[in-house]
C-alpha atoms as a PDB file:
ATOM      1  CA  UNK A   1      76.742 102.055  95.233  1.00  0.00           C
ATOM      2  CA  UNK A   2      77.315  98.356  96.906  1.00  0.00           C
ATOM      3  CA  UNK A   3      80.052  97.171  94.983  1.00  0.00           C
ATOM      4  CA  UNK A   4      81.610  93.945  95.722  1.00  0.00           C
ATOM      5  CA  UNK A   5      85.493  92.278  95.038  1.00  0.00           C
ATOM      6  CA  UNK A   6      84.653  88.717  94.227  1.00  0.00           C
ATOM      7  CA  UNK A   7      87.867  86.335  93.992  1.00  0.00           C
ATOM      8  CA  UNK A   8      88.215  82.781  92.850  1.00  0.00           C
ATOM      9  CA  UNK A   9      91.454  80.730  95.491  1.00  0.00           C
ATOM     10  CA  UNK A  10      92.299  77.358  96.762  1.00  0.00           C
ATOM     11  CA  UNK A  11      94.783  76.728  99.670  1.00  0.00           C
ATOM     12  CA  UNK A  12      97.530  77.766  97.685  1.00  0.00           C
ATOM     13  CA  UNK A  13      97.001  81.300  97.038  1.00  0.00           C
ATOM     14  CA  UNK A  14      95.061  82.089 100.766  1.00  0.00           C
ATOM     15  CA  UNK A  15      98.256  84.182 101.208  1.00  0.00           C
ATOM     16  CA  UNK A  16      98.187  85.906  98.068  1.00  0.00           C
ATOM     17  CA  UNK A  17      93.928  86.677  98.852  1.00  0.00           C
ATOM     18  CA  UNK A  18      95.298  88.116 102.717  1.00  0.00           C
ATOM     19  CA  UNK A  19      97.295  90.884 100.833  1.00  0.00           C
ATOM     20  CA  UNK A  20      94.251  91.375  98.849  1.00  0.00           C
ATOM     21  CA  UNK A  21      91.690  91.861 101.697  1.00  0.00           C
ATOM     22  CA  UNK A  22      94.771  94.025 103.313  1.00  0.00           C
ATOM     23  CA  UNK A  23      94.533  96.330 101.099  1.00  0.00           C
ATOM     24  CA  UNK A  24      90.985  96.613 100.470  1.00  0.00           C
ATOM     25  CA  UNK A  25      90.076  96.953 104.126  1.00  0.00           C
ATOM     26  CA  UNK A  26      93.751  99.572 103.735  1.00  0.00           C
ATOM     27  CA  UNK A  27      91.585 102.148 100.285  1.00  0.00           C
ATOM     28  CA  UNK A  28      87.459 101.303 100.235  1.00  0.00           C
ATOM     29  CA  UNK A  29      86.843  99.515 103.232  1.00  0.00           C
ATOM     30  CA  UNK A  30      83.011  99.933 102.790  1.00  0.00           C
ATOM     31  CA  UNK A  31      83.821  97.174  99.758  1.00  0.00           C
ATOM     32  CA  UNK A  32      81.878  93.358  99.642  1.00  0.00           C
ATOM     33  CA  UNK A  33      84.904  90.778  99.347  1.00  0.00           C
ATOM     34  CA  UNK A  34      83.416  87.715  98.124  1.00  0.00           C
ATOM     35  CA  UNK A  35      85.694  84.657  98.206  1.00  0.00           C
ATOM     36  CA  UNK A  36      85.001  81.445  96.456  1.00  0.00           C
ATOM     37  CA  UNK A  37      86.361  78.781  96.444  1.00  0.00           C
ATOM     38  CA  UNK A  38      87.565  76.526  93.520  1.00  0.00           C
ATOM     39  CA  UNK A  39      86.886  72.618  93.724  1.00  0.00           C
ATOM     40  CA  UNK A  40      88.792  69.754  92.536  1.00  0.00           C
ATOM     41  CA  UNK A  41      88.191  70.077  88.886  1.00  0.00           C
ATOM     42  CA  UNK A  42      88.965  73.621  88.538  1.00  0.00           C
ATOM     43  CA  UNK A  43      86.659  74.625  86.762  1.00  0.00           C
ATOM     44  CA  UNK A  44      87.011  78.828  87.190  1.00  0.00           C
ATOM     45  CA  UNK A  45      84.076  78.890  84.725  1.00  0.00           C
ATOM     46  CA  UNK A  46      81.535  77.337  87.211  1.00  0.00           C
ATOM     47  CA  UNK A  47      82.900  79.434  90.289  1.00  0.00           C
ATOM     48  CA  UNK A  48      83.307  83.077  88.710  1.00  0.00           C
ATOM     49  CA  UNK A  49      79.208  82.526  88.158  1.00  0.00           C
ATOM     50  CA  UNK A  50      79.167  81.355  91.577  1.00  0.00           C
ATOM     51  CA  UNK A  51      80.936  84.433  92.866  1.00  0.00           C
ATOM     52  CA  UNK A  52      79.365  86.662  90.620  1.00  0.00           C
ATOM     53  CA  UNK A  53      75.657  85.076  91.750  1.00  0.00           C
ATOM     54  CA  UNK A  54      76.487  84.535  94.485  1.00  0.00           C
ATOM     55  CA  UNK A  55      76.862  88.620  94.582  1.00  0.00           C
ATOM     56  CA  UNK A  56      73.887  90.139  93.204  1.00  0.00           C
ATOM     57  CA  UNK A  57      71.665  88.054  94.998  1.00  0.00           C
ATOM     58  CA  UNK A  58      73.556  89.901  97.756  1.00  0.00           C
ATOM     59  CA  UNK A  59      72.314  93.019  96.820  1.00  0.00           C
ATOM     60  CA  UNK A  60      75.251  93.928  94.985  1.00  0.00           C
ATOM     61  CA  UNK A  61      75.564  96.724  92.350  1.00  0.00           C
ATOM     62  CA  UNK A  62      78.673  97.072  90.968  1.00  0.00           C
ATOM     63  CA  UNK A  63      80.653  93.515  90.864  1.00  0.00           C
ATOM     64  CA  UNK A  64      84.940  93.664  90.781  1.00  0.00           C
ATOM     65  CA  UNK A  65      86.442  89.947  89.387  1.00  0.00           C
ATOM     66  CA  UNK A  66      90.095  89.746  90.803  1.00  0.00           C
ATOM     67  CA  UNK A  67      92.564  86.832  90.199  1.00  0.00           C
ATOM     68  CA  UNK A  68      93.424  85.213  93.560  1.00  0.00           C
ATOM     69  CA  UNK A  69      96.941  86.721  93.273  1.00  0.00           C
ATOM     70  CA  UNK A  70      96.193  90.787  92.014  1.00  0.00           C
ATOM     71  CA  UNK A  71      97.018  93.761  94.873  1.00  0.00           C
ATOM     72  CA  UNK A  72      93.538  96.395  93.828  1.00  0.00           C
ATOM     73  CA  UNK A  73      96.025  99.909  93.700  1.00  0.00           C
ATOM     74  CA  UNK A  74      94.425 102.432  95.910  1.00  0.00           C
ATOM     75  CA  UNK A  75      91.660 103.480  93.308  1.00  0.00           C
ATOM     76  CA  UNK A  76      90.787 100.724  91.807  1.00  0.00           C
ATOM     77  CA  UNK A  77      87.393 100.529  93.395  1.00  0.00           C
ATOM     78  CA  UNK A  78      86.829 104.106  92.388  1.00  0.00           C
ATOM     79  CA  UNK A  79      87.834 103.976  89.074  1.00  0.00           C
ATOM     80  CA  UNK A  80      85.784 100.770  88.254  1.00  0.00           C
ATOM     81  CA  UNK A  81      82.463 102.471  89.758  1.00  0.00           C
ATOM     82  CA  UNK A  82      83.157 105.488  87.880  1.00  0.00           C
ATOM     83  CA  UNK A  83      83.070 104.020  84.787  1.00  0.00           C
ATOM     84  CA  UNK A  84      79.987 101.558  85.588  1.00  0.00           C
ATOM     85  CA  UNK A  85      78.272 104.294  86.191  1.00  0.00           C
ATOM     86  CA  UNK A  86      78.733 105.769  83.300  1.00  0.00           C
ATOM     87  CA  UNK A  87      78.650 103.119  81.327  1.00  0.00           C
ATOM     88  CA  UNK A  88      76.315 100.364  83.176  1.00  0.00           C
ATOM     89  CA  UNK A  89      76.399  97.622  79.993  1.00  0.00           C
ATOM     90  CA  UNK A  90      79.185  97.539  79.345  1.00  0.00           C
ATOM     91  CA  UNK A  91      82.944  95.267  80.878  1.00  0.00           C
ATOM     92  CA  UNK A  92      85.194  97.604  82.604  1.00  0.00           C
ATOM     93  CA  UNK A  93      88.561  96.478  82.309  1.00  0.00           C
ATOM     94  CA  UNK A  94      91.439  97.709  84.238  1.00  0.00           C
ATOM     95  CA  UNK A  95      96.111  97.215  83.846  1.00  0.00           C
ATOM     96  CA  UNK A  96      97.750  94.427  85.482  1.00  0.00           C
ATOM     97  CA  UNK A  97     101.497  95.549  86.518  1.00  0.00           C
ATOM     98  CA  UNK A  98     103.087  91.806  87.091  1.00  0.00           C
ATOM     99  CA  UNK A  99     105.281  92.238  90.498  1.00  0.00           C
ATOM    100  CA  UNK A 100     109.094  91.197  90.690  1.00  0.00           C
ATOM    101  CA  UNK A 101     109.782  88.561  93.401  1.00  0.00           C
ATOM    102  CA  UNK A 102     109.458  90.334  96.891  1.00  0.00           C
ATOM    103  CA  UNK A 103     111.617  90.916  99.431  1.00  0.00           C
ATOM    104  CA  UNK A 104     111.560  88.829 102.725  1.00  0.00           C
ATOM    105  CA  UNK A 105     108.755  91.063 104.341  1.00  0.00           C
ATOM    106  CA  UNK A 106     106.761  90.688 101.546  1.00  0.00           C
ATOM    107  CA  UNK A 107     104.487  93.978  99.221  1.00  0.00           C
ATOM    108  CA  UNK A 108     104.503  96.757 101.292  1.00  0.00           C
ATOM    109  CA  UNK A 109     101.238  98.948 100.580  1.00  0.00           C
ATOM    110  CA  UNK A 110     102.422 102.127 100.349  1.00  0.00           C
ATOM    111  CA  UNK A 111     105.112 101.295  97.858  1.00  0.00           C
ATOM    112  CA  UNK A 112     103.144  99.212  95.222  1.00  0.00           C
ATOM    113  CA  UNK A 113     101.960 102.912  92.765  1.00  0.00           C
ATOM    114  CA  UNK A 114     106.148 103.349  92.998  1.00  0.00           C
ATOM    115  CA  UNK A 115     105.623  99.594  90.642  1.00  0.00           C
ATOM    116  CA  UNK A 116     104.085 100.349  88.198  1.00  0.00           C
ATOM    117  CA  UNK A 117     104.234  99.017  85.416  1.00  0.00           C
ATOM    118  CA  UNK A 118     101.344  97.966  83.492  1.00  0.00           C
ATOM    119  CA  UNK A 119     101.877  94.339  80.888  1.00  0.00           C
ATOM    120  CA  UNK A 120     102.784  96.548  77.868  1.00  0.00           C
ATOM    121  CA  UNK A 121      99.841  94.266  75.979  1.00  0.00           C
ATOM    122  CA  UNK A 122      96.697  95.867  77.004  1.00  0.00           C
ATOM    123  CA  UNK A 123      95.877  99.462  76.411  1.00  0.00           C
ATOM    124  CA  UNK A 124      96.695 102.279  79.683  1.00  0.00           C
ATOM    125  CA  UNK A 125      95.029 105.388  79.755  1.00  0.00           C
ATOM    126  CA  UNK A 126      95.507 107.693  81.493  1.00  0.00           C
ATOM    127  CA  UNK A 127      94.406 108.531  85.129  1.00  0.00           C
ATOM    128  CA  UNK A 128      90.586 109.123  84.695  1.00  0.00           C
ATOM    129  CA  UNK A 129      90.103 108.437  81.448  1.00  0.00           C
ATOM    130  CA  UNK A 130      87.827 105.840  79.844  1.00  0.00           C
ATOM    131  CA  UNK A 131      88.545 104.435  76.632  1.00  0.00           C
ATOM    132  CA  UNK A 132      86.813 102.677  74.403  1.00  0.00           C
ATOM    133  CA  UNK A 133      88.368  99.631  72.702  1.00  0.00           C
ATOM    134  CA  UNK A 134      87.327  97.947  69.624  1.00  0.00           C
ATOM    135  CA  UNK A 135      85.417  94.905  68.602  1.00  0.00           C
ATOM    136  CA  UNK A 136      89.447  92.999  68.299  1.00  0.00           C
ATOM    137  CA  UNK A 137      90.338  94.302  71.529  1.00  0.00           C
ATOM    138  CA  UNK A 138      87.737  92.032  72.795  1.00  0.00           C
ATOM    139  CA  UNK A 139      91.022  89.698  72.443  1.00  0.00           C
ATOM    140  CA  UNK A 140      91.876  91.282  75.064  1.00  0.00           C
ATOM    141  CA  UNK A 141      90.414  90.822  77.916  1.00  0.00           C
ATOM    142  CA  UNK A 142      91.656  89.511  80.637  1.00  0.00           C
ATOM    143  CA  UNK A 143      89.961  87.515  83.475  1.00  0.00           C
ATOM    144  CA  UNK A 144      92.611  89.025  86.297  1.00  0.00           C
ATOM    145  CA  UNK A 145      91.358  92.285  86.980  1.00  0.00           C
ATOM    146  CA  UNK A 146      87.662  93.254  85.146  1.00  0.00           C
ATOM    147  CA  UNK A 147      84.414  94.495  86.690  1.00  0.00           C
ATOM    148  CA  UNK A 148      80.479  94.461  85.206  1.00  0.00           C
ATOM    149  CA  UNK A 149      77.008  95.712  86.633  1.00  0.00           C
ATOM    150  CA  UNK A 150      74.927  93.127  88.603  1.00  0.00           C
ATOM    151  CA  UNK A 151      72.231  94.513  85.836  1.00  0.00           C
ATOM    152  CA  UNK A 152      75.038  93.581  83.218  1.00  0.00           C
ATOM    153  CA  UNK A 153      75.847  90.381  84.550  1.00  0.00           C
ATOM    154  CA  UNK A 154      71.836  89.625  85.031  1.00  0.00           C
ATOM    155  CA  UNK A 155      71.663  89.678  81.755  1.00  0.00           C
ATOM    156  CA  UNK A 156      74.837  88.491  79.665  1.00  0.00           C
ATOM    157  CA  UNK A 157      76.024  85.233  78.841  1.00  0.00           C
ATOM    158  CA  UNK A 158      77.844  84.159  81.612  1.00  0.00           C
ATOM    159  CA  UNK A 159      81.255  82.114  82.216  1.00  0.00           C
ATOM    160  CA  UNK A 160      80.579  78.705  79.840  1.00  0.00           C
ATOM    161  CA  UNK A 161      81.448  75.108  82.138  1.00  0.00           C
ATOM    162  CA  UNK A 162      82.099  72.671  79.319  1.00  0.00           C
ATOM    163  CA  UNK A 163      85.252  74.849  79.818  1.00  0.00           C
ATOM    164  CA  UNK A 164      87.339  72.556  82.340  1.00  0.00           C
ATOM    165  CA  UNK A 165      90.976  72.388  83.889  1.00  0.00           C
ATOM    166  CA  UNK A 166      92.656  76.241  82.359  1.00  0.00           C
ATOM    167  CA  UNK A 167      92.571  78.127  79.775  1.00  0.00           C
ATOM    168  CA  UNK A 168      90.212  79.628  76.823  1.00  0.00           C
ATOM    169  CA  UNK A 169      86.814  80.787  78.673  1.00  0.00           C
ATOM    170  CA  UNK A 170      88.061  84.274  79.974  1.00  0.00           C
ATOM    171  CA  UNK A 171      88.429  84.927  75.711  1.00  0.00           C
ATOM    172  CA  UNK A 172      85.045  82.919  75.221  1.00  0.00           C
ATOM    173  CA  UNK A 173      83.259  85.005  77.981  1.00  0.00           C
ATOM    174  CA  UNK A 174      84.599  88.681  75.869  1.00  0.00           C
ATOM    175  CA  UNK A 175      83.364  86.394  72.187  1.00  0.00           C
ATOM    176  CA  UNK A 176      79.451  86.038  73.604  1.00  0.00           C
ATOM    177  CA  UNK A 177      79.823  90.030  74.858  1.00  0.00           C
ATOM    178  CA  UNK A 178      81.229  91.402  71.745  1.00  0.00           C
ATOM    179  CA  UNK A 179      78.570  88.527  69.784  1.00  0.00           C
ATOM    180  CA  UNK A 180      75.566  90.635  72.212  1.00  0.00           C
ATOM    181  CA  UNK A 181      77.346  94.070  71.094  1.00  0.00           C
ATOM    182  CA  UNK A 182      78.976  95.086  74.351  1.00  0.00           C
ATOM    183  CA  UNK A 183      80.900  97.801  74.530  1.00  0.00           C
ATOM    184  CA  UNK A 184      84.574  96.731  76.387  1.00  0.00           C
ATOM    185  CA  UNK A 185      85.837  99.982  78.035  1.00  0.00           C
ATOM    186  CA  UNK A 186      89.324 100.355  78.978  1.00  0.00           C
ATOM    187  CA  UNK A 187      89.554 102.631  82.857  1.00  0.00           C
ATOM    188  CA  UNK A 188      92.399 104.587  83.424  1.00  0.00           C
ATOM    189  CA  UNK A 189      93.429 104.198  86.725  1.00  0.00           C
ATOM    190  CA  UNK A 190      91.751 100.819  87.760  1.00  0.00           C
ATOM    191  CA  UNK A 191      95.273  99.455  88.650  1.00  0.00           C
ATOM    192  CA  UNK A 192      96.487  96.331  89.491  1.00  0.00           C
ATOM    193  CA  UNK A 193      99.627  94.916  90.977  1.00  0.00           C
ATOM    194  CA  UNK A 194      99.906  90.330  90.372  1.00  0.00           C
ATOM    195  CA  UNK A 195     101.851  89.485  92.819  1.00  0.00           C
ATOM    196  CA  UNK A 196     104.252  86.740  92.307  1.00  0.00           C
ATOM    197  CA  UNK A 197     104.114  83.234  91.675  1.00  0.00           C
ATOM    198  CA  UNK A 198     106.736  79.734  90.398  1.00  0.00           C
ATOM    199  CA  UNK A 199     104.748  79.580  87.567  1.00  0.00           C
ATOM    200  CA  UNK A 200     106.049  77.597  83.924  1.00  0.00           C
ATOM    201  CA  UNK A 201     105.750  78.874  80.037  1.00  0.00           C
ATOM    202  CA  UNK A 202     104.248  77.265  78.972  1.00  0.00           C
ATOM    203  CA  UNK A 203     101.926  75.483  80.910  1.00  0.00           C
ATOM    204  CA  UNK A 204     102.612  72.198  80.990  1.00  0.00           C
ATOM    205  CA  UNK A 205     101.081  71.388  83.795  1.00  0.00           C
ATOM    206  CA  UNK A 206      97.829  72.326  81.260  1.00  0.00           C
ATOM    207  CA  UNK A 207      98.227  71.249  78.197  1.00  0.00           C
ATOM    208  CA  UNK A 208      95.476  68.444  77.905  1.00  0.00           C
ATOM    209  CA  UNK A 209      93.383  71.118  79.230  1.00  0.00           C
ATOM    210  CA  UNK A 210      93.798  73.994  77.060  1.00  0.00           C
ATOM    211  CA  UNK A 211      94.288  71.224  74.216  1.00  0.00           C
ATOM    212  CA  UNK A 212      91.023  70.397  74.768  1.00  0.00           C
ATOM    213  CA  UNK A 213      89.762  74.428  75.472  1.00  0.00           C
ATOM    214  CA  UNK A 214      90.675  75.369  72.678  1.00  0.00           C
ATOM    215  CA  UNK A 215      89.537  72.760  70.372  1.00  0.00           C
ATOM    216  CA  UNK A 216      85.601  73.644  72.316  1.00  0.00           C
ATOM    217  CA  UNK A 217      87.202  77.840  71.332  1.00  0.00           C
ATOM    218  CA  UNK A 218      86.884  76.772  67.981  1.00  0.00           C
ATOM    219  CA  UNK A 219      84.357  74.953  67.461  1.00  0.00           C
ATOM    220  CA  UNK A 220      82.277  77.502  68.821  1.00  0.00           C
ATOM    221  CA  UNK A 221      83.811  80.951  66.947  1.00  0.00           C
ATOM    222  CA  UNK A 222      85.963  79.237  63.876  1.00  0.00           C
ATOM    223  CA  UNK A 223      89.502  81.174  65.276  1.00  0.00           C
ATOM    224  CA  UNK A 224      92.015  79.268  67.441  1.00  0.00           C
ATOM    225  CA  UNK A 225      92.896  81.327  70.841  1.00  0.00           C
ATOM    226  CA  UNK A 226      95.934  81.022  73.254  1.00  0.00           C
ATOM    227  CA  UNK A 227      98.113  81.041  70.221  1.00  0.00           C
ATOM    228  CA  UNK A 228     101.142  81.748  71.948  1.00  0.00           C
ATOM    229  CA  UNK A 229     100.968  78.944  74.624  1.00  0.00           C
ATOM    230  CA  UNK A 230     100.014  76.725  70.995  1.00  0.00           C
ATOM    231  CA  UNK A 231     103.805  77.600  68.740  1.00  0.00           C
ATOM    232  CA  UNK A 232     105.198  77.623  72.689  1.00  0.00           C
ATOM    233  CA  UNK A 233     104.655  73.511  72.127  1.00  0.00           C
ATOM    234  CA  UNK A 234     104.284  73.419  68.434  1.00  0.00           C
ATOM    235  CA  UNK A 235     107.809  74.497  69.155  1.00  0.00           C
ATOM    236  CA  UNK A 236     109.063  72.047  71.295  1.00  0.00           C
ATOM    237  CA  UNK A 237     107.709  69.021  69.479  1.00  0.00           C
ATOM    238  CA  UNK A 238     104.549  68.169  71.969  1.00  0.00           C
ATOM    239  CA  UNK A 239     101.568  68.836  70.087  1.00  0.00           C
ATOM    240  CA  UNK A 240     101.503  68.695  65.719  1.00  0.00           C
ATOM    241  CA  UNK A 241      98.588  70.679  63.979  1.00  0.00           C
ATOM    242  CA  UNK A 242      96.972  68.076  61.223  1.00  0.00           C
ATOM    243  CA  UNK A 243      93.542  67.232  59.993  1.00  0.00           C
ATOM    244  CA  UNK A 244      92.421  70.405  60.941  1.00  0.00           C
ATOM    245  CA  UNK A 245      93.228  70.333  64.666  1.00  0.00           C
ATOM    246  CA  UNK A 246      95.695  70.285  67.327  1.00  0.00           C
ATOM    247  CA  UNK A 247      96.312  67.699  69.389  1.00  0.00           C
ATOM    248  CA  UNK A 248      99.308  65.632  71.563  1.00  0.00           C
ATOM    249  CA  UNK A 249     102.244  64.095  68.858  1.00  0.00           C
ATOM    250  CA  UNK A 250     103.673  62.262  71.556  1.00  0.00           C
END
């Protein structure tokens, strides 16, 4: 099975992408790496769709979407490939570990597995196990690391490109797959390791995008996404809920 690893990047993340490619060359040299550049509008949905379509057109049979900041673990490709072979119509998700800042020499690939500590909010089955997710767990879908077959990609609704900037497009994608009757599969051992970089919490630089995308999501699905961020913005006095919607308070 031909496997393509797809990532989105801009100039500020190229060093992280290079580390990702270094890991793939070490552990899965047969894998094709497809890098899609983000345009000035940073439309993540459009860039992911373009990468997926390009990989399928080039003959890839399995597509692994991996965030530019993520280093694949030694078994990530193998575990995703096994899951998709068994469940070709479904969406596979592996655990993600957030790494501490690197030392002066950067991240060492041979030390990655010793730092495995997956984000506790998402399932982490034992290596070799594949657990079907519940319908409610589609809310936990994370575009940092997931995989689908080319067959599924061709037939599924892609990311909605009307989501602009940052936030909401991946949960919308997940809800579309749930509505279509697909199953989310949690893949034990498909570890990815997210390289540290400075972040703001909540992401103040994306406030306007998040407000617009949250409203778009609510109009479609009747629920509010990104609730933790919305609550944090509200607690800081930046947004208020009035007349059935969130808006800036100043």
